[in-house]
Amino acid sequence: MTVLDQSPPAIGAHTGGPVPVSPHARRGGLKAGESRLGILLLLPALIAFCVVVLFPFLEALGLSLFQYTIEMSEPKYIGLENFARVLSDPAIRQSFFATIIYVAGATTLSIVLGLAWALVLNQPFPGRDALRGLSLLPWVMPAVVAAFLWGWIFNSRYGLLNAAALELGLIDFPKAWLSDATGAMAAVIITKVWFSVPLFMAFFLAGLANLDRDQIDAARVDGAGNWAVLRDHVIPHLKPVLLVTVVLGMIGNLQHFDTIWALTGGGPVRATAVLSIEVYRRAFEQWDIGLAACIGVVWVALIMPPAYFYLRQLMKGTE
């Protein structure tokens, strides 16, 4: 074959030199590699989530469809009867009511007092930083220790609350706070608020750190008082933080157990038996595993809406 018989190479054909790589192909390869690396980094957390959260929830969901007590050798399938019992049992309905009161009271007071204390600690005064550090002590204290501390305060014989009330003439004789339904609910709410205020205070202080002081000073010059500044400038600025704290507070209070159990044990007469206490009693005192699993499933369903809004807010912050 002569040189004249050789046809020219086709356009884009490889002629022996290095093959050029387009920028799009290079970027596609980098993205694919980053995706694989991201999956590998997430794999341990995903495995831990499946083992610790997903599989136990699916098992509880399955158990909720069975009647299973300590006297039974194997579970008996009953369908949705446990859910019907949850809706018709007066004790469980009382637990739902107690949960609503506890979550509403503890969340609202924690946010209001946390915001108020953050506004105080946001002002410049000597010793402010030290007071900020001391304010976090209740939050780092173990919940059971906090419950025993407040149990001593509410004690009917030698509690600090009765001693102060008697000294001030507010009561004529010592009151058994933890033996009264209203007093016990107030006690567990106050204990949880004392435990939660430092965390919410820290959230609000972080939000106040980037508040525009010039805007506040301009409002003061225009004659705005403290309430007007709080309503028109501080609260709108803290709106994202308020949303996060409300949702976090609801989630935490819906699943709270240790402080209530150590302080009142769910009493008196089930007055403080929130859903977490009810699940524990059904599972480990009455050994009704199927019904306890059903209550737990309903409990998770109650936690899911605030958790969804919390995650949605976090995703908005990363966009």
C-alpha atoms as a PDB file:
ATOM      1  CA  MET A   1       0.000   0.000   0.000  1.00  0.00           C
ATOM      2  CA  THR A   2       1.392   3.373  -0.987  1.00  0.00           C
ATOM      3  CA  VAL A   3       1.172   6.597   0.882  1.00  0.00           C
ATOM      4  CA  LEU A   4      -1.475   7.828  -1.534  1.00  0.00           C
ATOM      5  CA  ASP A   5      -3.702   4.865  -0.664  1.00  0.00           C
ATOM      6  CA  GLN A   6      -3.820   5.767   3.004  1.00  0.00           C
ATOM      7  CA  SER A   7      -6.961   7.667   3.914  1.00  0.00           C
ATOM      8  CA  PRO A   8      -6.723  10.538   6.432  1.00  0.00           C
ATOM      9  CA  PRO A   9      -7.703   9.716   9.990  1.00  0.00           C
ATOM     10  CA  ALA A  10     -11.299  10.406  10.983  1.00  0.00           C
ATOM     11  CA  ILE A  11     -12.061  13.479  12.993  1.00  0.00           C
ATOM     12  CA  GLY A  12     -11.626  12.774  16.726  1.00  0.00           C
ATOM     13  CA  ALA A  13      -9.823   9.435  16.069  1.00  0.00           C
ATOM     14  CA  HIS A  14      -6.883   8.526  18.279  1.00  0.00           C
ATOM     15  CA  THR A  15      -3.616   8.968  16.385  1.00  0.00           C
ATOM     16  CA  GLY A  16      -1.226   7.638  19.007  1.00  0.00           C
ATOM     17  CA  GLY A  17      -0.821  10.759  21.135  1.00  0.00           C
ATOM     18  CA  PRO A  18      -2.427  11.446  24.526  1.00  0.00           C
ATOM     19  CA  VAL A  19      -6.223  11.429  24.472  1.00  0.00           C
ATOM     20  CA  PRO A  20      -7.582  14.868  25.401  1.00  0.00           C
ATOM     21  CA  VAL A  21     -10.082  14.905  28.277  1.00  0.00           C
ATOM     22  CA  SER A  22     -12.869  17.437  28.148  1.00  0.00           C
ATOM     23  CA  PRO A  23     -13.473  19.684  31.200  1.00  0.00           C
ATOM     24  CA  HIS A  24     -17.017  18.305  31.499  1.00  0.00           C
ATOM     25  CA  ALA A  25     -15.750  14.731  31.718  1.00  0.00           C
ATOM     26  CA  ARG A  26     -13.141  15.753  34.296  1.00  0.00           C
ATOM     27  CA  ARG A  27     -15.763  17.502  36.432  1.00  0.00           C
ATOM     28  CA  GLY A  28     -18.081  14.524  36.104  1.00  0.00           C
ATOM     29  CA  GLY A  29     -15.342  12.188  37.312  1.00  0.00           C
ATOM     30  CA  LEU A  30     -14.572  14.437  40.276  1.00  0.00           C
ATOM     31  CA  LYS A  31     -18.251  14.609  41.225  1.00  0.00           C
ATOM     32  CA  ALA A  32     -18.590  10.836  41.031  1.00  0.00           C
ATOM     33  CA  GLY A  33     -15.508  10.408  43.208  1.00  0.00           C
ATOM     34  CA  GLU A  34     -16.803  12.932  45.716  1.00  0.00           C
ATOM     35  CA  SER A  35     -20.158  11.142  45.811  1.00  0.00           C
ATOM     36  CA  ARG A  36     -18.485   7.800  46.525  1.00  0.00           C
ATOM     37  CA  LEU A  37     -16.337   9.401  49.230  1.00  0.00           C
ATOM     38  CA  GLY A  38     -19.418  11.036  50.771  1.00  0.00           C
ATOM     39  CA  ILE A  39     -21.248   7.707  50.852  1.00  0.00           C
ATOM     40  CA  LEU A  40     -18.259   6.025  52.511  1.00  0.00           C
ATOM     41  CA  LEU A  41     -18.075   8.788  55.135  1.00  0.00           C
ATOM     42  CA  LEU A  42     -21.802   8.526  55.840  1.00  0.00           C
ATOM     43  CA  LEU A  43     -21.804   4.731  55.987  1.00  0.00           C
ATOM     44  CA  PRO A  44     -20.784   4.386  59.691  1.00  0.00           C
ATOM     45  CA  ALA A  45     -23.434   6.908  60.754  1.00  0.00           C
ATOM     46  CA  LEU A  46     -26.027   5.185  58.564  1.00  0.00           C
ATOM     47  CA  ILE A  47     -25.197   1.783  60.074  1.00  0.00           C
ATOM     48  CA  ALA A  48     -25.397   3.226  63.592  1.00  0.00           C
ATOM     49  CA  PHE A  49     -28.756   4.850  62.763  1.00  0.00           C
ATOM     50  CA  CYS A  50     -30.150   1.563  61.452  1.00  0.00           C
ATOM     51  CA  VAL A  51     -28.930  -0.431  64.460  1.00  0.00           C
ATOM     52  CA  VAL A  52     -29.868   2.083  67.166  1.00  0.00           C
ATOM     53  CA  VAL A  53     -32.978   3.764  65.731  1.00  0.00           C
ATOM     54  CA  LEU A  54     -34.494   2.202  62.622  1.00  0.00           C
ATOM     55  CA  PHE A  55     -34.432  -1.510  63.505  1.00  0.00           C
ATOM     56  CA  PRO A  56     -35.758  -1.007  67.079  1.00  0.00           C
ATOM     57  CA  PHE A  57     -38.547   1.206  65.735  1.00  0.00           C
ATOM     58  CA  LEU A  58     -39.515  -1.352  63.104  1.00  0.00           C
ATOM     59  CA  GLU A  59     -39.473  -4.072  65.764  1.00  0.00           C
ATOM     60  CA  ALA A  60     -41.677  -1.935  68.028  1.00  0.00           C
ATOM     61  CA  LEU A  61     -43.997  -1.281  65.098  1.00  0.00           C
ATOM     62  CA  GLY A  62     -44.271  -5.027  64.543  1.00  0.00           C
ATOM     63  CA  LEU A  63     -44.828  -5.752  68.247  1.00  0.00           C
ATOM     64  CA  SER A  64     -47.615  -3.162  68.363  1.00  0.00           C
ATOM     65  CA  LEU A  65     -49.690  -5.519  66.204  1.00  0.00           C
ATOM     66  CA  PHE A  66     -49.363  -8.390  68.698  1.00  0.00           C
ATOM     67  CA  GLN A  67     -50.589  -9.233  72.165  1.00  0.00           C
ATOM     68  CA  TYR A  68     -47.466 -10.119  74.091  1.00  0.00           C
ATOM     69  CA  THR A  69     -47.242 -10.349  77.868  1.00  0.00           C
ATOM     70  CA  ILE A  70     -44.850 -12.072  80.252  1.00  0.00           C
ATOM     71  CA  GLU A  71     -47.294 -14.981  80.712  1.00  0.00           C
ATOM     72  CA  MET A  72     -47.357 -15.770  76.990  1.00  0.00           C
ATOM     73  CA  SER A  73     -44.812 -18.091  75.415  1.00  0.00           C
ATOM     74  CA  GLU A  74     -45.123 -16.371  72.030  1.00  0.00           C
ATOM     75  CA  PRO A  75     -46.866 -13.249  70.700  1.00  0.00           C
ATOM     76  CA  LYS A  76     -50.433 -13.449  69.374  1.00  0.00           C
ATOM     77  CA  TYR A  77     -51.344 -11.381  66.340  1.00  0.00           C
ATOM     78  CA  ILE A  78     -54.277  -9.034  67.082  1.00  0.00           C
ATOM     79  CA  GLY A  79     -53.929  -6.412  64.354  1.00  0.00           C
ATOM     80  CA  LEU A  80     -54.890  -2.901  65.403  1.00  0.00           C
ATOM     81  CA  GLU A  81     -56.485  -3.853  68.720  1.00  0.00           C
ATOM     82  CA  ASN A  82     -53.626  -2.310  70.692  1.00  0.00           C
ATOM     83  CA  PHE A  83     -54.225   1.007  68.931  1.00  0.00           C
ATOM     84  CA  ALA A  84     -57.914   0.775  69.837  1.00  0.00           C
ATOM     85  CA  ARG A  85     -56.891   0.171  73.460  1.00  0.00           C
ATOM     86  CA  VAL A  86     -54.635   3.224  73.351  1.00  0.00           C
ATOM     87  CA  LEU A  87     -57.578   5.362  72.240  1.00  0.00           C
ATOM     88  CA  SER A  88     -60.053   3.889  74.728  1.00  0.00           C
ATOM     89  CA  ASP A  89     -57.947   3.361  77.869  1.00  0.00           C
ATOM     90  CA  PRO A  90     -58.688   6.169  80.386  1.00  0.00           C
ATOM     91  CA  ALA A  91     -55.225   5.872  81.957  1.00  0.00           C
ATOM     92  CA  ILE A  92     -53.516   6.338  78.585  1.00  0.00           C
ATOM     93  CA  ARG A  93     -55.777   9.276  77.744  1.00  0.00           C
ATOM     94  CA  GLN A  94     -54.768  10.804  81.060  1.00  0.00           C
ATOM     95  CA  SER A  95     -51.125  10.315  80.052  1.00  0.00           C
ATOM     96  CA  PHE A  96     -51.773  12.154  76.785  1.00  0.00           C
ATOM     97  CA  PHE A  97     -53.371  15.019  78.708  1.00  0.00           C
ATOM     98  CA  ALA A  98     -50.506  15.142  81.212  1.00  0.00           C
ATOM     99  CA  THR A  99     -48.007  15.143  78.329  1.00  0.00           C
ATOM    100  CA  ILE A 100     -49.712  18.109  76.673  1.00  0.00           C
ATOM    101  CA  ILE A 101     -49.694  20.105  79.934  1.00  0.00           C
ATOM    102  CA  TYR A 102     -46.073  19.206  80.652  1.00  0.00           C
ATOM    103  CA  VAL A 103     -44.789  19.963  77.145  1.00  0.00           C
ATOM    104  CA  ALA A 104     -46.715  23.235  76.851  1.00  0.00           C
ATOM    105  CA  GLY A 105     -45.734  24.479  80.310  1.00  0.00           C
ATOM    106  CA  ALA A 106     -42.083  23.438  80.249  1.00  0.00           C
ATOM    107  CA  THR A 107     -41.462  24.634  76.681  1.00  0.00           C
ATOM    108  CA  THR A 108     -43.175  28.010  77.100  1.00  0.00           C
ATOM    109  CA  LEU A 109     -41.575  28.883  80.436  1.00  0.00           C
ATOM    110  CA  SER A 110     -38.125  27.719  79.327  1.00  0.00           C
ATOM    111  CA  ILE A 111     -38.225  29.905  76.219  1.00  0.00           C
ATOM    112  CA  VAL A 112     -39.636  32.989  77.972  1.00  0.00           C
ATOM    113  CA  LEU A 113     -37.198  32.803  80.889  1.00  0.00           C
ATOM    114  CA  GLY A 114     -34.292  31.862  78.623  1.00  0.00           C
ATOM    115  CA  LEU A 115     -34.962  34.884  76.414  1.00  0.00           C
ATOM    116  CA  ALA A 116     -35.360  37.193  79.412  1.00  0.00           C
ATOM    117  CA  TRP A 117     -32.114  35.995  80.984  1.00  0.00           C
ATOM    118  CA  ALA A 118     -30.300  36.269  77.645  1.00  0.00           C
ATOM    119  CA  LEU A 119     -31.441  39.884  77.321  1.00  0.00           C
ATOM    120  CA  VAL A 120     -30.064  40.592  80.797  1.00  0.00           C
ATOM    121  CA  LEU A 121     -26.733  38.911  80.090  1.00  0.00           C
ATOM    122  CA  ASN A 122     -26.453  40.690  76.749  1.00  0.00           C
ATOM    123  CA  GLN A 123     -26.093  44.030  78.551  1.00  0.00           C
ATOM    124  CA  PRO A 124     -22.584  45.238  79.446  1.00  0.00           C
ATOM    125  CA  PHE A 125     -21.904  45.156  83.204  1.00  0.00           C
ATOM    126  CA  PRO A 126     -19.001  44.024  85.425  1.00  0.00           C
ATOM    127  CA  GLY A 127     -18.849  40.272  85.913  1.00  0.00           C
ATOM    128  CA  ARG A 128     -21.097  39.496  82.968  1.00  0.00           C
ATOM    129  CA  ASP A 129     -18.858  36.776  81.520  1.00  0.00           C
ATOM    130  CA  ALA A 130     -18.545  35.024  84.877  1.00  0.00           C
ATOM    131  CA  LEU A 131     -22.320  35.124  85.333  1.00  0.00           C
ATOM    132  CA  ARG A 132     -22.780  33.661  81.865  1.00  0.00           C
ATOM    133  CA  GLY A 133     -20.590  30.717  82.826  1.00  0.00           C
ATOM    134  CA  LEU A 134     -22.364  30.188  86.140  1.00  0.00           C
ATOM    135  CA  SER A 135     -25.730  30.265  84.370  1.00  0.00           C
ATOM    136  CA  LEU A 136     -24.796  27.111  82.458  1.00  0.00           C
ATOM    137  CA  LEU A 137     -24.314  25.034  85.608  1.00  0.00           C
ATOM    138  CA  PRO A 138     -27.904  23.698  85.772  1.00  0.00           C
ATOM    139  CA  TRP A 139     -27.638  22.467  82.190  1.00  0.00           C
ATOM    140  CA  VAL A 140     -24.437  20.469  82.785  1.00  0.00           C
ATOM    141  CA  MET A 141     -25.829  18.904  85.971  1.00  0.00           C
ATOM    142  CA  PRO A 142     -27.157  15.331  85.537  1.00  0.00           C
ATOM    143  CA  ALA A 143     -30.939  15.285  85.282  1.00  0.00           C
ATOM    144  CA  VAL A 144     -31.377  12.801  88.139  1.00  0.00           C
ATOM    145  CA  VAL A 145     -29.216  14.954  90.428  1.00  0.00           C
ATOM    146  CA  ALA A 146     -31.348  17.969  89.532  1.00  0.00           C
ATOM    147  CA  ALA A 147     -34.484  15.952  90.322  1.00  0.00           C
ATOM    148  CA  PHE A 148     -33.196  14.976  93.774  1.00  0.00           C
ATOM    149  CA  LEU A 149     -32.167  18.591  94.426  1.00  0.00           C
ATOM    150  CA  TRP A 150     -35.640  19.879  93.633  1.00  0.00           C
ATOM    151  CA  GLY A 151     -37.164  16.982  95.540  1.00  0.00           C
ATOM    152  CA  TRP A 152     -35.475  18.358  98.666  1.00  0.00           C
ATOM    153  CA  ILE A 153     -36.738  21.855  97.850  1.00  0.00           C
ATOM    154  CA  PHE A 154     -40.347  20.621  97.501  1.00  0.00           C
ATOM    155  CA  ASN A 155     -40.144  18.323 100.524  1.00  0.00           C
ATOM    156  CA  SER A 156     -43.185  18.746 102.783  1.00  0.00           C
ATOM    157  CA  ARG A 157     -41.273  18.509 106.104  1.00  0.00           C
ATOM    158  CA  TYR A 158     -37.948  20.253 105.647  1.00  0.00           C
ATOM    159  CA  GLY A 159     -38.100  21.653 102.155  1.00  0.00           C
ATOM    160  CA  LEU A 160     -36.780  25.097 101.338  1.00  0.00           C
ATOM    161  CA  LEU A 161     -39.989  26.118  99.574  1.00  0.00           C
ATOM    162  CA  ASN A 162     -42.188  25.465 102.595  1.00  0.00           C
ATOM    163  CA  ALA A 163     -39.708  27.181 104.908  1.00  0.00           C
ATOM    164  CA  ALA A 164     -39.646  30.315 102.735  1.00  0.00           C
ATOM    165  CA  ALA A 165     -43.437  30.345 102.303  1.00  0.00           C
ATOM    166  CA  LEU A 166     -44.011  29.976 106.043  1.00  0.00           C
ATOM    167  CA  GLU A 167     -41.505  32.723 106.800  1.00  0.00           C
ATOM    168  CA  LEU A 168     -43.219  35.089 104.370  1.00  0.00           C
ATOM    169  CA  GLY A 169     -46.678  34.207 105.691  1.00  0.00           C
ATOM    170  CA  LEU A 170     -47.857  32.815 102.346  1.00  0.00           C
ATOM    171  CA  ILE A 171     -49.016  29.542 103.929  1.00  0.00           C
ATOM    172  CA  ASP A 172     -50.106  28.639 107.460  1.00  0.00           C
ATOM    173  CA  PHE A 173     -48.794  25.075 107.514  1.00  0.00           C
ATOM    174  CA  PRO A 174     -46.385  23.014 105.411  1.00  0.00           C
ATOM    175  CA  LYS A 175     -47.811  21.876 102.082  1.00  0.00           C
ATOM    176  CA  ALA A 176     -47.155  18.439 100.563  1.00  0.00           C
ATOM    177  CA  TRP A 177     -46.352  19.729  97.093  1.00  0.00           C
ATOM    178  CA  LEU A 178     -45.434  16.366  95.545  1.00  0.00           C
ATOM    179  CA  SER A 179     -48.516  14.648  96.988  1.00  0.00           C
ATOM    180  CA  ASP A 180     -50.900  17.017  95.229  1.00  0.00           C
ATOM    181  CA  ALA A 181     -51.704  16.568  91.522  1.00  0.00           C
ATOM    182  CA  THR A 182     -51.342  20.248  90.662  1.00  0.00           C
ATOM    183  CA  GLY A 183     -48.302  20.726  92.886  1.00  0.00           C
ATOM    184  CA  ALA A 184     -46.553  17.668  91.447  1.00  0.00           C
ATOM    185  CA  MET A 185     -47.108  18.799  87.857  1.00  0.00           C
ATOM    186  CA  ALA A 186     -45.866  22.285  88.761  1.00  0.00           C
ATOM    187  CA  ALA A 187     -42.815  20.727  90.452  1.00  0.00           C
ATOM    188  CA  VAL A 188     -41.784  18.645  87.430  1.00  0.00           C
ATOM    189  CA  ILE A 189     -42.325  21.610  85.101  1.00  0.00           C
ATOM    190  CA  ILE A 190     -40.272  23.939  87.317  1.00  0.00           C
ATOM    191  CA  THR A 191     -37.488  21.358  87.542  1.00  0.00           C
ATOM    192  CA  LYS A 192     -37.381  20.929  83.764  1.00  0.00           C
ATOM    193  CA  VAL A 193     -37.465  24.694  83.230  1.00  0.00           C
ATOM    194  CA  TRP A 194     -34.556  25.183  85.627  1.00  0.00           C
ATOM    195  CA  PHE A 195     -32.711  22.483  83.720  1.00  0.00           C
ATOM    196  CA  SER A 196     -33.509  23.900  80.224  1.00  0.00           C
ATOM    197  CA  VAL A 197     -33.247  27.681  80.620  1.00  0.00           C
ATOM    198  CA  PRO A 198     -29.408  27.757  80.332  1.00  0.00           C
ATOM    199  CA  LEU A 199     -29.492  25.972  76.963  1.00  0.00           C
ATOM    200  CA  PHE A 200     -32.106  28.313  75.515  1.00  0.00           C
ATOM    201  CA  MET A 201     -30.264  31.283  77.006  1.00  0.00           C
ATOM    202  CA  ALA A 202     -27.155  30.211  75.075  1.00  0.00           C
ATOM    203  CA  PHE A 203     -29.174  29.999  71.833  1.00  0.00           C
ATOM    204  CA  PHE A 204     -30.622  33.476  72.330  1.00  0.00           C
ATOM    205  CA  LEU A 205     -27.256  34.973  73.276  1.00  0.00           C
ATOM    206  CA  ALA A 206     -25.828  33.611  70.036  1.00  0.00           C
ATOM    207  CA  GLY A 207     -28.693  35.220  68.129  1.00  0.00           C
ATOM    208  CA  LEU A 208     -28.270  38.541  69.940  1.00  0.00           C
ATOM    209  CA  ALA A 209     -24.544  38.621  69.170  1.00  0.00           C
ATOM    210  CA  ASN A 210     -25.164  39.775  65.574  1.00  0.00           C
ATOM    211  CA  LEU A 211     -28.026  42.146  66.361  1.00  0.00           C
ATOM    212  CA  ASP A 212     -27.489  45.534  64.709  1.00  0.00           C
ATOM    213  CA  ARG A 213     -26.838  47.917  67.613  1.00  0.00           C
ATOM    214  CA  ASP A 214     -27.099  50.978  65.349  1.00  0.00           C
ATOM    215  CA  GLN A 215     -30.688  50.016  64.562  1.00  0.00           C
ATOM    216  CA  ILE A 216     -31.485  49.755  68.272  1.00  0.00           C
ATOM    217  CA  ASP A 217     -29.817  53.114  69.000  1.00  0.00           C
ATOM    218  CA  ALA A 218     -31.781  54.733  66.180  1.00  0.00           C
ATOM    219  CA  ALA A 219     -35.021  53.375  67.623  1.00  0.00           C
ATOM    220  CA  ARG A 220     -34.072  54.738  71.039  1.00  0.00           C
ATOM    221  CA  VAL A 221     -33.414  58.161  69.507  1.00  0.00           C
ATOM    222  CA  ASP A 222     -36.866  58.056  67.900  1.00  0.00           C
ATOM    223  CA  GLY A 223     -38.382  57.567  71.347  1.00  0.00           C
ATOM    224  CA  ALA A 224     -38.984  53.802  71.341  1.00  0.00           C
ATOM    225  CA  GLY A 225     -39.162  52.219  74.784  1.00  0.00           C
ATOM    226  CA  ASN A 226     -37.906  48.826  75.895  1.00  0.00           C
ATOM    227  CA  TRP A 227     -41.082  46.999  74.915  1.00  0.00           C
ATOM    228  CA  ALA A 228     -41.196  48.653  71.471  1.00  0.00           C
ATOM    229  CA  VAL A 229     -37.550  47.762  70.821  1.00  0.00           C
ATOM    230  CA  LEU A 230     -38.169  44.181  71.917  1.00  0.00           C
ATOM    231  CA  ARG A 231     -41.327  43.828  69.836  1.00  0.00           C
ATOM    232  CA  ASP A 232     -40.227  45.602  66.660  1.00  0.00           C
ATOM    233  CA  HIS A 233     -36.509  44.790  66.485  1.00  0.00           C
ATOM    234  CA  VAL A 234     -35.282  42.061  68.852  1.00  0.00           C
ATOM    235  CA  ILE A 235     -38.073  39.501  68.399  1.00  0.00           C
ATOM    236  CA  PRO A 236     -38.108  39.732  64.548  1.00  0.00           C
ATOM    237  CA  HIS A 237     -34.325  39.358  64.554  1.00  0.00           C
ATOM    238  CA  LEU A 238     -34.546  36.277  66.794  1.00  0.00           C
ATOM    239  CA  LYS A 239     -37.391  34.654  64.853  1.00  0.00           C
ATOM    240  CA  PRO A 240     -35.242  31.818  63.371  1.00  0.00           C
ATOM    241  CA  VAL A 241     -33.723  31.118  66.794  1.00  0.00           C
ATOM    242  CA  LEU A 242     -37.171  31.146  68.400  1.00  0.00           C
ATOM    243  CA  LEU A 243     -38.441  28.610  65.887  1.00  0.00           C
ATOM    244  CA  VAL A 244     -35.522  26.276  66.551  1.00  0.00           C
ATOM    245  CA  THR A 245     -35.842  26.571  70.335  1.00  0.00           C
ATOM    246  CA  VAL A 246     -39.601  25.942  70.256  1.00  0.00           C
ATOM    247  CA  VAL A 247     -39.180  22.803  68.170  1.00  0.00           C
ATOM    248  CA  LEU A 248     -36.204  21.530  70.166  1.00  0.00           C
ATOM    249  CA  GLY A 249     -38.039  22.208  73.409  1.00  0.00           C
ATOM    250  CA  MET A 250     -41.114  20.296  72.252  1.00  0.00           C
ATOM    251  CA  ILE A 251     -39.042  17.327  71.091  1.00  0.00           C
ATOM    252  CA  GLY A 252     -37.014  17.201  74.297  1.00  0.00           C
ATOM    253  CA  ASN A 253     -40.044  17.525  76.559  1.00  0.00           C
ATOM    254  CA  LEU A 254     -42.061  14.949  74.630  1.00  0.00           C
ATOM    255  CA  GLN A 255     -39.384  12.341  75.263  1.00  0.00           C
ATOM    256  CA  HIS A 256     -38.370  13.419  78.768  1.00  0.00           C
ATOM    257  CA  PHE A 257     -38.309  10.671  81.393  1.00  0.00           C
ATOM    258  CA  ASP A 258     -35.527  10.731  83.995  1.00  0.00           C
ATOM    259  CA  THR A 259     -36.359  13.923  85.891  1.00  0.00           C
ATOM    260  CA  ILE A 260     -40.063  13.075  86.190  1.00  0.00           C
ATOM    261  CA  TRP A 261     -39.382   9.498  87.230  1.00  0.00           C
ATOM    262  CA  ALA A 262     -36.829  10.492  89.875  1.00  0.00           C
ATOM    263  CA  LEU A 263     -38.987  13.318  91.247  1.00  0.00           C
ATOM    264  CA  THR A 264     -42.517  11.876  91.296  1.00  0.00           C
ATOM    265  CA  GLY A 265     -42.439   8.440  89.668  1.00  0.00           C
ATOM    266  CA  GLY A 266     -45.430   9.547  87.576  1.00  0.00           C
ATOM    267  CA  GLY A 267     -47.602  10.224  90.639  1.00  0.00           C
ATOM    268  CA  PRO A 268     -49.541  11.155  92.542  1.00  0.00           C
ATOM    269  CA  VAL A 269     -52.438   9.156  91.062  1.00  0.00           C
ATOM    270  CA  ARG A 270     -50.828   9.325  87.582  1.00  0.00           C
ATOM    271  CA  ALA A 271     -50.884  13.139  87.618  1.00  0.00           C
ATOM    272  CA  THR A 272     -47.381  13.337  86.107  1.00  0.00           C
ATOM    273  CA  ALA A 273     -47.472  10.058  84.165  1.00  0.00           C
ATOM    274  CA  VAL A 274     -46.507  11.426  80.757  1.00  0.00           C
ATOM    275  CA  LEU A 275     -46.165   9.095  77.768  1.00  0.00           C
ATOM    276  CA  SER A 276     -42.562   8.168  78.537  1.00  0.00           C
ATOM    277  CA  ILE A 277     -43.596   7.098  82.052  1.00  0.00           C
ATOM    278  CA  GLU A 278     -46.593   5.220  80.646  1.00  0.00           C
ATOM    279  CA  VAL A 279     -44.436   3.236  78.227  1.00  0.00           C
ATOM    280  CA  TYR A 280     -42.044   2.293  81.038  1.00  0.00           C
ATOM    281  CA  ARG A 281     -44.862   1.168  83.329  1.00  0.00           C
ATOM    282  CA  ARG A 282     -46.639  -0.891  80.684  1.00  0.00           C
ATOM    283  CA  ALA A 283     -43.431  -2.569  79.564  1.00  0.00           C
ATOM    284  CA  PHE A 284     -41.521  -3.135  82.823  1.00  0.00           C
ATOM    285  CA  GLU A 285     -44.187  -3.101  85.545  1.00  0.00           C
ATOM    286  CA  GLN A 286     -47.219  -4.650  83.838  1.00  0.00           C
ATOM    287  CA  TRP A 287     -45.109  -6.519  81.232  1.00  0.00           C
ATOM    288  CA  ASP A 288     -47.588  -5.740  78.456  1.00  0.00           C
ATOM    289  CA  ILE A 289     -44.962  -5.497  75.733  1.00  0.00           C
ATOM    290  CA  GLY A 290     -47.396  -5.220  72.826  1.00  0.00           C
ATOM    291  CA  LEU A 291     -49.337  -2.318  74.310  1.00  0.00           C
ATOM    292  CA  ALA A 292     -46.132  -0.575  75.398  1.00  0.00           C
ATOM    293  CA  ALA A 293     -44.786  -0.856  71.847  1.00  0.00           C
ATOM    294  CA  CYS A 294     -48.055   0.578  70.518  1.00  0.00           C
ATOM    295  CA  ILE A 295     -47.835   3.560  72.879  1.00  0.00           C
ATOM    296  CA  GLY A 296     -44.243   4.037  71.766  1.00  0.00           C
ATOM    297  CA  VAL A 297     -45.290   4.114  68.110  1.00  0.00           C
ATOM    298  CA  VAL A 298     -47.937   6.751  68.846  1.00  0.00           C
ATOM    299  CA  TRP A 299     -45.352   8.619  70.888  1.00  0.00           C
ATOM    300  CA  VAL A 300     -42.950   8.669  67.927  1.00  0.00           C
ATOM    301  CA  ALA A 301     -45.786   9.897  65.702  1.00  0.00           C
ATOM    302  CA  LEU A 302     -46.232  12.857  68.059  1.00  0.00           C
ATOM    303  CA  ILE A 303     -42.509  13.670  67.942  1.00  0.00           C
ATOM    304  CA  MET A 304     -42.256  13.461  64.145  1.00  0.00           C
ATOM    305  CA  PRO A 305     -44.017  16.760  63.213  1.00  0.00           C
ATOM    306  CA  PRO A 306     -41.796  19.027  65.364  1.00  0.00           C
ATOM    307  CA  ALA A 307     -38.756  16.999  64.280  1.00  0.00           C
ATOM    308  CA  TYR A 308     -39.725  17.522  60.638  1.00  0.00           C
ATOM    309  CA  PHE A 309     -40.044  21.299  61.082  1.00  0.00           C
ATOM    310  CA  TYR A 310     -36.728  21.382  62.939  1.00  0.00           C
ATOM    311  CA  LEU A 311     -34.904  19.524  60.164  1.00  0.00           C
ATOM    312  CA  ARG A 312     -36.607  21.703  57.569  1.00  0.00           C
ATOM    313  CA  GLN A 313     -35.357  24.810  59.346  1.00  0.00           C
ATOM    314  CA  LEU A 314     -31.837  23.370  59.471  1.00  0.00           C
ATOM    315  CA  MET A 315     -31.926  22.627  55.747  1.00  0.00           C
ATOM    316  CA  LYS A 316     -33.035  26.190  55.029  1.00  0.00           C
ATOM    317  CA  GLY A 317     -30.033  27.442  57.003  1.00  0.00           C
ATOM    318  CA  THR A 318     -27.625  25.414  54.833  1.00  0.00           C
ATOM    319  CA  GLU A 319     -29.029  26.504  51.487  1.00  0.00           C
END
